[in-house]
Amino acid sequence: MDYSVGVIEKIERLRKERGWTKYRLADEAAITYSSLMSMYARNTPPKLDILEMICGAFGISLSQFFADGDAEYLTADEREVLKKYRRLSDDRKRALSVLIEK
């Protein structure tokens, strides 16, 4: 399978699994809708930094994205927690870690 098509097909599959529109994917990944649509129109995979942002929106790592077979994906609740965690300051991340340990 062509690498370009494979990456786009996988993004599309993950998007559909979540029931997201392309607009929502762009929003969740914090990329412009026009950038996402350009990728689809040209049938070219996104640059690594954009793919990383897309993977972050899906709640998976790049290694999970490129893993053979179906890797374990996070649930919707886990993705939401992870998304919120990533927005925390370092101090708040440490405080949360202490709370979880107790």
C-alpha atoms as a PDB file:
ATOM      1  CA  MET A   1       0.000   0.000   0.000  1.00  0.00           C
ATOM      2  CA  ASP A   2       1.204   3.464  -0.838  1.00  0.00           C
ATOM      3  CA  TYR A   3       2.532   5.223   2.288  1.00  0.00           C
ATOM      4  CA  SER A   4       0.652   8.466   1.562  1.00  0.00           C
ATOM      5  CA  VAL A   5      -2.656   6.735   1.031  1.00  0.00           C
ATOM      6  CA  GLY A   6      -2.100   4.471   4.051  1.00  0.00           C
ATOM      7  CA  VAL A   7      -1.595   7.383   6.450  1.00  0.00           C
ATOM      8  CA  ILE A   8      -4.621   9.256   5.173  1.00  0.00           C
ATOM      9  CA  GLU A   9      -6.754   6.102   5.252  1.00  0.00           C
ATOM     10  CA  LYS A  10      -5.737   5.449   8.851  1.00  0.00           C
ATOM     11  CA  ILE A  11      -6.543   9.023   9.869  1.00  0.00           C
ATOM     12  CA  GLU A  12      -9.900   8.663   8.157  1.00  0.00           C
ATOM     13  CA  ARG A  13     -10.621   5.339   9.871  1.00  0.00           C
ATOM     14  CA  LEU A  14      -9.770   6.746  13.309  1.00  0.00           C
ATOM     15  CA  ARG A  15     -11.882   9.823  12.635  1.00  0.00           C
ATOM     16  CA  LYS A  16     -14.887   7.750  11.609  1.00  0.00           C
ATOM     17  CA  GLU A  17     -14.475   5.385  14.586  1.00  0.00           C
ATOM     18  CA  ARG A  18     -15.003   8.389  16.832  1.00  0.00           C
ATOM     19  CA  GLY A  19     -17.896   9.726  14.800  1.00  0.00           C
ATOM     20  CA  TRP A  20     -16.039  12.992  14.219  1.00  0.00           C
ATOM     21  CA  THR A  21     -16.480  15.315  11.299  1.00  0.00           C
ATOM     22  CA  LYS A  22     -13.365  16.587   9.558  1.00  0.00           C
ATOM     23  CA  TYR A  23     -14.059  19.947  11.145  1.00  0.00           C
ATOM     24  CA  ARG A  24     -14.046  18.363  14.609  1.00  0.00           C
ATOM     25  CA  LEU A  25     -10.790  16.535  13.880  1.00  0.00           C
ATOM     26  CA  ALA A  26      -9.163  19.827  12.897  1.00  0.00           C
ATOM     27  CA  ASP A  27     -10.528  21.452  16.048  1.00  0.00           C
ATOM     28  CA  GLU A  28      -9.443  18.601  18.358  1.00  0.00           C
ATOM     29  CA  ALA A  29      -5.975  18.562  16.767  1.00  0.00           C
ATOM     30  CA  ALA A  30      -5.684  22.374  16.960  1.00  0.00           C
ATOM     31  CA  ILE A  31      -4.929  22.648  13.250  1.00  0.00           C
ATOM     32  CA  THR A  32      -6.754  24.693  10.649  1.00  0.00           C
ATOM     33  CA  TYR A  33      -9.593  23.080   8.779  1.00  0.00           C
ATOM     34  CA  SER A  34      -8.066  24.291   5.515  1.00  0.00           C
ATOM     35  CA  SER A  35      -4.789  22.492   6.320  1.00  0.00           C
ATOM     36  CA  LEU A  36      -6.655  19.262   6.967  1.00  0.00           C
ATOM     37  CA  MET A  37      -8.737  19.591   3.819  1.00  0.00           C
ATOM     38  CA  SER A  38      -5.638  20.371   1.781  1.00  0.00           C
ATOM     39  CA  MET A  39      -4.088  17.104   2.967  1.00  0.00           C
ATOM     40  CA  TYR A  40      -7.194  15.208   1.839  1.00  0.00           C
ATOM     41  CA  ALA A  41      -7.452  17.059  -1.477  1.00  0.00           C
ATOM     42  CA  ARG A  42      -3.807  16.504  -2.398  1.00  0.00           C
ATOM     43  CA  ASN A  43      -3.871  12.969  -0.975  1.00  0.00           C
ATOM     44  CA  THR A  44      -0.593  13.663   0.814  1.00  0.00           C
ATOM     45  CA  PRO A  45       0.175  12.725   4.406  1.00  0.00           C
ATOM     46  CA  PRO A  46       0.646  15.529   6.909  1.00  0.00           C
ATOM     47  CA  LYS A  47       4.083  16.601   8.063  1.00  0.00           C
ATOM     48  CA  LEU A  48       5.271  14.867  11.201  1.00  0.00           C
ATOM     49  CA  ASP A  49       4.393  17.733  13.554  1.00  0.00           C
ATOM     50  CA  ILE A  50       0.840  17.877  12.186  1.00  0.00           C
ATOM     51  CA  LEU A  51       0.494  14.091  12.337  1.00  0.00           C
ATOM     52  CA  GLU A  52       1.624  14.240  15.949  1.00  0.00           C
ATOM     53  CA  MET A  53      -1.105  16.791  16.690  1.00  0.00           C
ATOM     54  CA  ILE A  54      -3.679  14.594  14.947  1.00  0.00           C
ATOM     55  CA  CYS A  55      -2.517  11.587  16.960  1.00  0.00           C
ATOM     56  CA  GLY A  56      -2.779  13.661  20.125  1.00  0.00           C
ATOM     57  CA  ALA A  57      -6.381  14.475  19.245  1.00  0.00           C
ATOM     58  CA  PHE A  58      -7.059  10.768  18.879  1.00  0.00           C
ATOM     59  CA  GLY A  59      -5.320  10.098  22.189  1.00  0.00           C
ATOM     60  CA  ILE A  60      -2.658   7.876  20.667  1.00  0.00           C
ATOM     61  CA  SER A  61       1.082   8.138  20.159  1.00  0.00           C
ATOM     62  CA  LEU A  62       2.858   8.126  16.816  1.00  0.00           C
ATOM     63  CA  SER A  63       4.116   4.631  17.585  1.00  0.00           C
ATOM     64  CA  GLN A  64       0.538   3.456  18.157  1.00  0.00           C
ATOM     65  CA  PHE A  65      -0.498   5.110  14.911  1.00  0.00           C
ATOM     66  CA  PHE A  66       2.175   3.247  12.948  1.00  0.00           C
ATOM     67  CA  ALA A  67       1.884  -0.055  14.860  1.00  0.00           C
ATOM     68  CA  ASP A  68       0.847  -3.076  12.847  1.00  0.00           C
ATOM     69  CA  GLY A  69      -2.592  -4.348  13.702  1.00  0.00           C
ATOM     70  CA  ASP A  70      -5.031  -2.657  15.981  1.00  0.00           C
ATOM     71  CA  ALA A  71      -3.210  -1.213  18.971  1.00  0.00           C
ATOM     72  CA  GLU A  72      -5.031  -0.586  22.214  1.00  0.00           C
ATOM     73  CA  TYR A  73      -6.635   2.823  21.943  1.00  0.00           C
ATOM     74  CA  LEU A  74      -7.790   4.985  24.780  1.00  0.00           C
ATOM     75  CA  THR A  75     -11.464   5.233  25.598  1.00  0.00           C
ATOM     76  CA  ALA A  76     -13.256   8.522  25.064  1.00  0.00           C
ATOM     77  CA  ASP A  77     -13.091   9.236  28.812  1.00  0.00           C
ATOM     78  CA  GLU A  78      -9.361   8.488  28.904  1.00  0.00           C
ATOM     79  CA  ARG A  79      -8.748  10.749  25.901  1.00  0.00           C
ATOM     80  CA  GLU A  80     -10.643  13.568  27.612  1.00  0.00           C
ATOM     81  CA  VAL A  81      -8.610  13.193  30.812  1.00  0.00           C
ATOM     82  CA  LEU A  82      -5.364  13.098  28.839  1.00  0.00           C
ATOM     83  CA  LYS A  83      -6.364  16.169  26.842  1.00  0.00           C
ATOM     84  CA  LYS A  84      -7.103  18.087  30.041  1.00  0.00           C
ATOM     85  CA  TYR A  85      -3.892  16.827  31.656  1.00  0.00           C
ATOM     86  CA  ARG A  86      -1.803  18.129  28.758  1.00  0.00           C
ATOM     87  CA  ARG A  87      -3.201  21.616  29.328  1.00  0.00           C
ATOM     88  CA  LEU A  88      -2.144  21.709  32.989  1.00  0.00           C
ATOM     89  CA  SER A  89       0.882  23.636  34.199  1.00  0.00           C
ATOM     90  CA  ASP A  90       3.827  21.582  35.458  1.00  0.00           C
ATOM     91  CA  ASP A  91       2.905  22.451  39.054  1.00  0.00           C
ATOM     92  CA  ARG A  92      -0.639  21.208  38.582  1.00  0.00           C
ATOM     93  CA  LYS A  93       0.590  18.029  36.889  1.00  0.00           C
ATOM     94  CA  ARG A  94       2.775  17.327  39.945  1.00  0.00           C
ATOM     95  CA  ALA A  95      -0.133  18.053  42.297  1.00  0.00           C
ATOM     96  CA  LEU A  96      -2.376  15.708  40.327  1.00  0.00           C
ATOM     97  CA  SER A  97       0.288  13.015  40.432  1.00  0.00           C
ATOM     98  CA  VAL A  98       0.493  13.342  44.236  1.00  0.00           C
ATOM     99  CA  LEU A  99      -3.303  13.125  44.467  1.00  0.00           C
ATOM    100  CA  ILE A 100      -3.420   9.997  42.310  1.00  0.00           C
ATOM    101  CA  GLU A 101      -0.698   8.323  44.366  1.00  0.00           C
ATOM    102  CA  LYS A 102      -2.761   8.816  47.539  1.00  0.00           C
END
